[in-house]
Amino acid sequence: MKNIKALTLDDVKRIAAAAEAEARAQGWAVSIAVCDGGGHALWLQRMDGAPLMSAAVAPEKARTCVLTGKPSKAFEDMVNNGRIAALAMPVVPLEGGEPIVVDGTIVGAVGVSGVKAGEDAQVARAGVAALAEVM
């Protein structure tokens, strides 16, 4: 059997707080989602003023990362480079999802939606970085 680390509620709160702090520092209103290593929701928040649809998109960006082990941008890039068959995959091909990797294993992911794609990813990476700081 393999031992795999799992996110705790404290980890998730730390990730979400760091992502929210980054969004606020930039003046962005976004939705932030964190999922576990199975792609199941652990956290979802929609900041005041964030687009309504962002609350549906952010968790799917996170889930995409867990299912594939890659940032969701990888699939946006596939589509933008002409691989439209990627649209048939059960993933959201939009930048803004970042996997959380511990000891080489995906233990969860952060998905952010509400602003430009690269800005969503910036906020998600800030959340992931906050966990790395305590490990």
C-alpha atoms as a PDB file:
ATOM      1  CA  MET A   1       0.000   0.000   0.000  1.00  0.00           C
ATOM      2  CA  LYS A   2       1.052   3.543  -0.671  1.00  0.00           C
ATOM      3  CA  ASN A   3       0.731   6.354   1.861  1.00  0.00           C
ATOM      4  CA  ILE A   4      -0.631   9.538   0.305  1.00  0.00           C
ATOM      5  CA  LYS A   5      -0.863  12.867   2.039  1.00  0.00           C
ATOM      6  CA  ALA A   6      -4.240  14.583   2.130  1.00  0.00           C
ATOM      7  CA  LEU A   7      -5.261  18.200   2.522  1.00  0.00           C
ATOM      8  CA  THR A   8      -6.645  19.195   5.916  1.00  0.00           C
ATOM      9  CA  LEU A   9      -9.241  21.868   6.504  1.00  0.00           C
ATOM     10  CA  ASP A  10      -6.464  24.099   7.870  1.00  0.00           C
ATOM     11  CA  ASP A  11      -4.507  23.581   4.629  1.00  0.00           C
ATOM     12  CA  VAL A  12      -7.554  24.490   2.565  1.00  0.00           C
ATOM     13  CA  LYS A  13      -8.225  27.629   4.609  1.00  0.00           C
ATOM     14  CA  ARG A  14      -4.571  28.681   4.209  1.00  0.00           C
ATOM     15  CA  ILE A  15      -4.739  28.127   0.437  1.00  0.00           C
ATOM     16  CA  ALA A  16      -8.033  30.023   0.097  1.00  0.00           C
ATOM     17  CA  ALA A  17      -6.855  32.930   2.265  1.00  0.00           C
ATOM     18  CA  ALA A  18      -3.669  33.345   0.218  1.00  0.00           C
ATOM     19  CA  ALA A  19      -5.584  33.205  -3.054  1.00  0.00           C
ATOM     20  CA  GLU A  20      -8.117  35.726  -1.779  1.00  0.00           C
ATOM     21  CA  ALA A  21      -5.327  38.022  -0.552  1.00  0.00           C
ATOM     22  CA  GLU A  22      -3.718  37.948  -3.996  1.00  0.00           C
ATOM     23  CA  ALA A  23      -7.027  38.710  -5.696  1.00  0.00           C
ATOM     24  CA  ARG A  24      -7.742  41.597  -3.304  1.00  0.00           C
ATOM     25  CA  ALA A  25      -4.220  42.999  -3.731  1.00  0.00           C
ATOM     26  CA  GLN A  26      -4.842  43.153  -7.475  1.00  0.00           C
ATOM     27  CA  GLY A  27      -8.399  44.496  -7.144  1.00  0.00           C
ATOM     28  CA  TRP A  28      -9.917  41.379  -8.700  1.00  0.00           C
ATOM     29  CA  ALA A  29     -13.247  39.780  -7.747  1.00  0.00           C
ATOM     30  CA  VAL A  30     -13.045  36.029  -8.332  1.00  0.00           C
ATOM     31  CA  SER A  31     -14.378  32.680  -7.255  1.00  0.00           C
ATOM     32  CA  ILE A  32     -11.881  30.351  -5.583  1.00  0.00           C
ATOM     33  CA  ALA A  33     -12.306  26.585  -5.392  1.00  0.00           C
ATOM     34  CA  VAL A  34     -10.131  23.936  -3.770  1.00  0.00           C
ATOM     35  CA  CYS A  35     -10.626  20.223  -4.318  1.00  0.00           C
ATOM     36  CA  ASP A  36      -9.025  17.111  -2.879  1.00  0.00           C
ATOM     37  CA  GLY A  37      -7.026  14.443  -4.685  1.00  0.00           C
ATOM     38  CA  GLY A  38     -10.237  12.839  -5.940  1.00  0.00           C
ATOM     39  CA  GLY A  39     -11.541  16.062  -7.449  1.00  0.00           C
ATOM     40  CA  HIS A  40     -14.154  16.557  -4.718  1.00  0.00           C
ATOM     41  CA  ALA A  41     -14.941  20.068  -3.489  1.00  0.00           C
ATOM     42  CA  LEU A  42     -13.392  21.149  -0.200  1.00  0.00           C
ATOM     43  CA  TRP A  43     -13.875  24.916  -0.588  1.00  0.00           C
ATOM     44  CA  LEU A  44     -15.770  27.359  -2.758  1.00  0.00           C
ATOM     45  CA  GLN A  45     -16.084  31.082  -2.303  1.00  0.00           C
ATOM     46  CA  ARG A  46     -17.325  33.788  -4.636  1.00  0.00           C
ATOM     47  CA  MET A  47     -15.987  37.193  -3.709  1.00  0.00           C
ATOM     48  CA  ASP A  48     -18.353  40.148  -3.807  1.00  0.00           C
ATOM     49  CA  GLY A  49     -18.646  41.327  -7.380  1.00  0.00           C
ATOM     50  CA  ALA A  50     -17.310  38.132  -8.967  1.00  0.00           C
ATOM     51  CA  PRO A  51     -19.250  36.983 -12.028  1.00  0.00           C
ATOM     52  CA  LEU A  52     -22.026  34.507 -11.185  1.00  0.00           C
ATOM     53  CA  MET A  53     -20.707  31.927 -13.650  1.00  0.00           C
ATOM     54  CA  SER A  54     -17.284  31.982 -11.990  1.00  0.00           C
ATOM     55  CA  ALA A  55     -18.692  29.954  -9.077  1.00  0.00           C
ATOM     56  CA  ALA A  56     -19.466  27.119 -11.504  1.00  0.00           C
ATOM     57  CA  VAL A  57     -16.252  27.385 -13.528  1.00  0.00           C
ATOM     58  CA  ALA A  58     -13.670  27.573 -10.701  1.00  0.00           C
ATOM     59  CA  PRO A  59     -14.426  24.089  -9.259  1.00  0.00           C
ATOM     60  CA  GLU A  60     -14.276  22.567 -12.729  1.00  0.00           C
ATOM     61  CA  LYS A  61     -10.859  24.121 -13.352  1.00  0.00           C
ATOM     62  CA  ALA A  62      -9.636  22.535 -10.099  1.00  0.00           C
ATOM     63  CA  ARG A  63     -11.171  19.170 -10.990  1.00  0.00           C
ATOM     64  CA  THR A  64      -9.497  19.312 -14.404  1.00  0.00           C
ATOM     65  CA  CYS A  65      -6.104  19.527 -12.704  1.00  0.00           C
ATOM     66  CA  VAL A  66      -6.754  16.523 -10.487  1.00  0.00           C
ATOM     67  CA  LEU A  67      -8.044  14.395 -13.363  1.00  0.00           C
ATOM     68  CA  THR A  68      -5.065  15.188 -15.568  1.00  0.00           C
ATOM     69  CA  GLY A  69      -2.206  16.138 -13.268  1.00  0.00           C
ATOM     70  CA  LYS A  70      -1.673  19.315 -15.259  1.00  0.00           C
ATOM     71  CA  PRO A  71      -2.585  22.983 -14.988  1.00  0.00           C
ATOM     72  CA  SER A  72      -5.839  23.620 -16.838  1.00  0.00           C
ATOM     73  CA  LYS A  73      -3.910  25.953 -19.165  1.00  0.00           C
ATOM     74  CA  ALA A  74      -2.465  22.873 -20.883  1.00  0.00           C
ATOM     75  CA  PHE A  75      -5.891  22.137 -22.339  1.00  0.00           C
ATOM     76  CA  GLU A  76      -6.607  25.738 -23.271  1.00  0.00           C
ATOM     77  CA  ASP A  77      -3.304  25.709 -25.146  1.00  0.00           C
ATOM     78  CA  MET A  78      -4.292  22.480 -26.947  1.00  0.00           C
ATOM     79  CA  VAL A  79      -7.527  24.036 -28.160  1.00  0.00           C
ATOM     80  CA  ASN A  80      -5.878  27.335 -29.092  1.00  0.00           C
ATOM     81  CA  ASN A  81      -3.272  25.419 -31.089  1.00  0.00           C
ATOM     82  CA  GLY A  82      -5.945  23.707 -33.153  1.00  0.00           C
ATOM     83  CA  ARG A  83      -6.513  20.476 -31.222  1.00  0.00           C
ATOM     84  CA  ILE A  84     -10.249  21.019 -31.024  1.00  0.00           C
ATOM     85  CA  ALA A  85     -10.766  17.330 -30.215  1.00  0.00           C
ATOM     86  CA  ALA A  86      -9.642  18.320 -26.692  1.00  0.00           C
ATOM     87  CA  LEU A  87     -13.074  19.907 -26.305  1.00  0.00           C
ATOM     88  CA  ALA A  88     -14.523  16.373 -26.123  1.00  0.00           C
ATOM     89  CA  MET A  89     -12.503  15.576 -22.989  1.00  0.00           C
ATOM     90  CA  PRO A  90     -14.275  15.719 -19.621  1.00  0.00           C
ATOM     91  CA  VAL A  91     -12.206  18.752 -18.603  1.00  0.00           C
ATOM     92  CA  VAL A  92     -12.535  22.530 -18.680  1.00  0.00           C
ATOM     93  CA  PRO A  93      -9.954  23.863 -21.146  1.00  0.00           C
ATOM     94  CA  LEU A  94      -9.587  27.255 -19.443  1.00  0.00           C
ATOM     95  CA  GLU A  95      -6.519  28.613 -17.688  1.00  0.00           C
ATOM     96  CA  GLY A  96      -6.881  29.181 -13.958  1.00  0.00           C
ATOM     97  CA  GLY A  97      -6.543  25.725 -12.431  1.00  0.00           C
ATOM     98  CA  GLU A  98      -3.330  24.684 -10.691  1.00  0.00           C
ATOM     99  CA  PRO A  99      -2.582  21.248  -9.220  1.00  0.00           C
ATOM    100  CA  ILE A 100      -1.279  20.782  -5.671  1.00  0.00           C
ATOM    101  CA  VAL A 101       1.578  18.280  -5.761  1.00  0.00           C
ATOM    102  CA  VAL A 102       3.098  16.785  -2.611  1.00  0.00           C
ATOM    103  CA  ASP A 103       5.857  14.193  -2.813  1.00  0.00           C
ATOM    104  CA  GLY A 104       5.145  13.750  -6.515  1.00  0.00           C
ATOM    105  CA  THR A 105       1.436  13.016  -5.992  1.00  0.00           C
ATOM    106  CA  ILE A 106      -1.533  15.222  -6.836  1.00  0.00           C
ATOM    107  CA  VAL A 107      -3.315  15.814  -3.515  1.00  0.00           C
ATOM    108  CA  GLY A 108      -5.707  18.472  -4.770  1.00  0.00           C
ATOM    109  CA  ALA A 109      -6.003  21.587  -6.879  1.00  0.00           C
ATOM    110  CA  VAL A 110      -7.030  25.226  -6.850  1.00  0.00           C
ATOM    111  CA  GLY A 111      -9.349  26.669  -9.473  1.00  0.00           C
ATOM    112  CA  VAL A 112     -10.000  30.372  -9.907  1.00  0.00           C
ATOM    113  CA  SER A 113     -12.390  32.144 -12.238  1.00  0.00           C
ATOM    114  CA  GLY A 114     -13.621  35.689 -12.698  1.00  0.00           C
ATOM    115  CA  VAL A 115     -10.917  37.733 -14.397  1.00  0.00           C
ATOM    116  CA  LYS A 116      -8.559  37.218 -17.360  1.00  0.00           C
ATOM    117  CA  ALA A 117      -7.179  33.695 -17.709  1.00  0.00           C
ATOM    118  CA  GLY A 118      -3.617  34.553 -16.700  1.00  0.00           C
ATOM    119  CA  GLU A 119      -4.910  36.534 -13.727  1.00  0.00           C
ATOM    120  CA  ASP A 120      -7.030  33.586 -12.595  1.00  0.00           C
ATOM    121  CA  ALA A 121      -3.909  31.415 -12.741  1.00  0.00           C
ATOM    122  CA  GLN A 122      -1.900  33.995 -10.786  1.00  0.00           C
ATOM    123  CA  VAL A 123      -4.438  33.857  -7.960  1.00  0.00           C
ATOM    124  CA  ALA A 124      -4.506  30.035  -8.028  1.00  0.00           C
ATOM    125  CA  ARG A 125      -0.705  29.847  -7.902  1.00  0.00           C
ATOM    126  CA  ALA A 126      -0.693  32.171  -4.870  1.00  0.00           C
ATOM    127  CA  GLY A 127      -2.938  29.678  -3.092  1.00  0.00           C
ATOM    128  CA  VAL A 128      -0.745  26.717  -3.979  1.00  0.00           C
ATOM    129  CA  ALA A 129       2.370  28.635  -2.889  1.00  0.00           C
ATOM    130  CA  ALA A 130       0.889  29.278   0.561  1.00  0.00           C
ATOM    131  CA  LEU A 131       0.758  25.534   1.215  1.00  0.00           C
ATOM    132  CA  ALA A 132       4.332  25.052   0.017  1.00  0.00           C
ATOM    133  CA  GLU A 133       5.485  27.654   2.545  1.00  0.00           C
ATOM    134  CA  VAL A 134       4.397  25.495   5.506  1.00  0.00           C
ATOM    135  CA  MET A 135       5.679  22.165   4.238  1.00  0.00           C
END
